[in-house]
Protein backbone atom coordinates (compact mmCIF):
# COMPACT_ATOMS: atom_id res chain seq x y z
CA UNK A 1 81.52 115.10 102.55
CA UNK A 2 85.43 114.66 102.83
CA UNK A 3 87.56 111.96 101.51
CA UNK A 4 88.66 109.11 103.81
CA UNK A 5 91.55 106.81 103.81
CA UNK A 6 91.11 104.51 100.73
CA UNK A 7 87.96 106.34 99.65
CA UNK A 8 88.17 109.45 97.60
CA UNK A 9 85.24 111.71 96.85
CA UNK A 10 84.86 113.23 93.38
CA UNK A 11 82.64 116.25 92.74
CA UNK A 12 83.55 118.34 89.49
CA UNK A 13 81.13 120.68 88.18
CA UNK A 14 82.25 119.95 84.67
CA UNK A 15 82.47 116.28 84.87
CA UNK A 16 79.97 113.74 84.28
CA UNK A 17 80.92 111.62 87.36
CA UNK A 18 80.09 112.33 90.88
CA UNK A 19 80.68 109.91 93.62
CA UNK A 20 83.12 107.97 95.62
CA UNK A 21 86.30 105.92 94.25
CA UNK A 22 87.38 103.18 96.26
CA UNK A 23 91.20 102.50 95.69
CA UNK A 24 93.45 100.23 98.08
CA UNK A 25 96.89 98.66 97.18
CA UNK A 26 98.12 95.64 98.96
CA UNK A 27 101.12 93.49 98.44
CA UNK A 28 101.87 95.12 94.79
CA UNK A 29 98.12 94.73 93.57
CA UNK A 30 95.93 97.76 93.52
CA UNK A 31 91.92 97.50 93.43
CA UNK A 32 89.78 100.33 92.33
CA UNK A 33 86.05 100.48 92.01
CA UNK A 34 83.70 103.58 91.41
CA UNK A 35 80.39 104.26 93.31
CA UNK A 36 78.50 106.85 91.44
CA UNK A 37 75.82 108.92 93.27
CA UNK A 38 73.35 108.99 90.43
CA UNK A 39 73.30 105.01 90.27
CA UNK A 40 73.08 104.63 93.96
CA UNK A 41 70.86 107.38 94.94
CA UNK A 42 73.14 110.13 96.51
CA UNK A 43 76.27 110.53 98.22
CA UNK A 44 75.40 108.93 101.47
CA UNK A 45 74.17 105.68 99.57
CA UNK A 46 77.15 105.60 97.46
CA UNK A 47 79.58 106.13 100.36
CA UNK A 48 77.82 103.41 102.33
CA UNK A 49 78.31 101.09 99.59
CA UNK A 50 81.85 102.07 99.29
CA UNK A 51 82.66 101.53 102.94
CA UNK A 52 80.99 98.12 103.14
CA UNK A 53 82.93 96.94 99.97
CA UNK A 54 86.14 98.26 101.47
CA UNK A 55 85.44 96.40 104.70
CA UNK A 56 84.88 93.31 102.77
CA UNK A 57 87.91 93.68 100.68
CA UNK A 58 90.19 94.33 103.69
CA UNK A 59 88.89 91.24 105.42
CA UNK A 60 89.63 89.14 102.37
CA UNK A 61 93.04 90.64 101.63
CA UNK A 62 94.16 90.55 105.35
CA UNK A 63 93.21 87.00 105.78
CA UNK A 64 94.65 85.69 102.59
CA UNK A 65 97.94 83.91 102.33
CA UNK A 66 100.97 85.34 100.40
CA UNK A 67 103.22 83.85 97.75
CA UNK A 68 106.59 85.36 97.78
CA UNK A 69 105.13 88.57 99.45
CA UNK A 70 102.47 88.96 96.84
CA UNK A 71 98.80 88.22 96.75
CA UNK A 72 97.93 84.76 95.31
CA UNK A 73 96.12 84.86 91.74
CA UNK A 74 93.15 83.06 93.57
CA UNK A 75 93.00 86.05 96.12
CA UNK A 76 93.03 88.53 93.38
CA UNK A 77 90.23 86.69 91.67
CA UNK A 78 88.20 86.83 94.75
CA UNK A 79 88.68 90.48 95.15
CA UNK A 80 88.03 91.52 91.61
CA UNK A 81 84.77 89.41 91.87
CA UNK A 82 83.74 90.87 95.24
CA UNK A 83 84.08 94.33 93.86
CA UNK A 84 82.47 93.61 90.65
CA UNK A 85 79.42 92.16 92.84
CA UNK A 86 79.28 95.30 94.95
CA UNK A 87 76.53 97.77 94.27
CA UNK A 88 77.86 100.21 92.07
């Protein structure tokens, strides 16, 4: 499995973590969330969870209002809650 835009695949022989990392930056704010293979039942399932969360996050961010070119605190809280509630 190859990395995709905003999704990075982590597979290290010597590390404890294997899975996908979602990382997206918009308007000066970066959102990151890890989706481990062990917890989600494999690489394909962790990728599916990461892709679903990324789509929802992009929809939220792209549809939000900006204050002085930055995301509003409310939007940031909603995005963080969305990521926290996503499977992972």
